[in-house]
């Protein structure tokens, strides 16, 4: 994060603007909206700036800049077309530890102006740190269309009612649930859209008097294989409503960033050879927090019901009479193989696909190797790198050809995804060099990987080929 996004209270605080042209005018207008005391230094003033001076909304401090003028400024802005003057203003501000902004000169900015969506008192600021202003403008246009105009009125009313809600609900969780219910109430939304304030007040009083006991609940949410873009919309909504999130080791950092900031995040992961939280402890935590009336999310990599022990956790919740829901996720066998360019089913190579876990000991007793070794199917092995030697040996022993194509996908769907390909007889060697977490794919469909790769660095050859075809077509 190159900049810390903050909102600054400028009411009655002095802000120095060096420059009096059109660019300076834009900054002055924004500062006046924030009720700052604007002081301008400029030889000449834009007619609109002059009008603001005449109306005594802006003070024309001087015609020429001097270093000591920054001493009493809360913020400093340089908005001239004189590069040397802009540099002088920036240096003077830096010397006095004043935050300075040289317009359209990102290296000489200790703070920047973001693009703003204003639904006062609700404000949304967007910035690329000066890297891509056009992209930010396009994003702002999209957000402007999505955010209702009545959001500001809803926030204003909430400010007036906060003390009444605090008096009724002493606990933070209770207050959060009340506000969530009110803000999503269709009647309240309709009344604020049409500015029917008295009716909105009556609805608020009705909801405040209602007896709504706080009941804890647990949601099992599948986080997908890693790419935050693969998290479902319902999964996103659920984790952002959670009071507590219990997450495992396969949940990526970008997905954890989507959890509400004030929610408690508790690691309950299990990784081979590393510290692990026992399943019984996780079950106890789910019950404990739910019985405290909290919304609990059990966030699992992939899908909760595909080697995620989600069913076991639900059985515990059921026995404790705790309400629960399940939000499915994209399991690694679907997500990682798709990002690697390996179709699980292909009519020329495989008509079935089978998912197994390498945590099962491949000793011939727990796995039906004859079934796993049959042709025309794709075998996907979760957590199988440790048992890769036994896996390859048993499959070959039960009839799987040694030259059957295999792939190991590490960090599937993430920017550092890596795909190794080879044949079954090489599987153990490939596994020794594979980064974890990793997924093993065995079957003829792996032949298509080099042709269909589209994601990450290994797709570069595919992209270059496409560019050549486009040029030939043109």
Foldseek 3Di string as FASTA:
>chain_A
DPDDDDDDQQAAAEEEEEDADPVSVVVVVVSVVSNHAYEYAALDHDPVSVVCVVVVSHHDPYHDDDLCVCQRHQAYEYEDPDPVVLVSNLVSCVVNVHFYYYPLPLVSGPDDAFDWDDLVVDIDGDDPSNPCVVVSVVVVVVVNVVDDSLPNVLVVVCVVCVVVLCVLDVDPQSSLVLSVCLVPPPVLVVCSSVVVVVVNVVVSVVSSPDDDDQAFAEEEAECEQEPNVQGDPVSLVLQQQFQEEEEEPRYYPVNVVSHHPNHHYHYQYDDPPDDHHDPVVVLVVSLVVRRVSTYYYYYYYAFCPQPNCNVVSVVSCVVVVHHYYYHTGHHCVPQQCVQLQFDQADPVWADEEEEEELVDPPPCPPDPLLVVLDGRGKYKYFPNLVVLVVVLVSSVVNPRDQFWKKKKWASGPDQPIDIDIGGSVCRNVVSVPGDPPIMMMTINSVVCRQVRNCDYPSCVVVVVVVVVVVVVVD
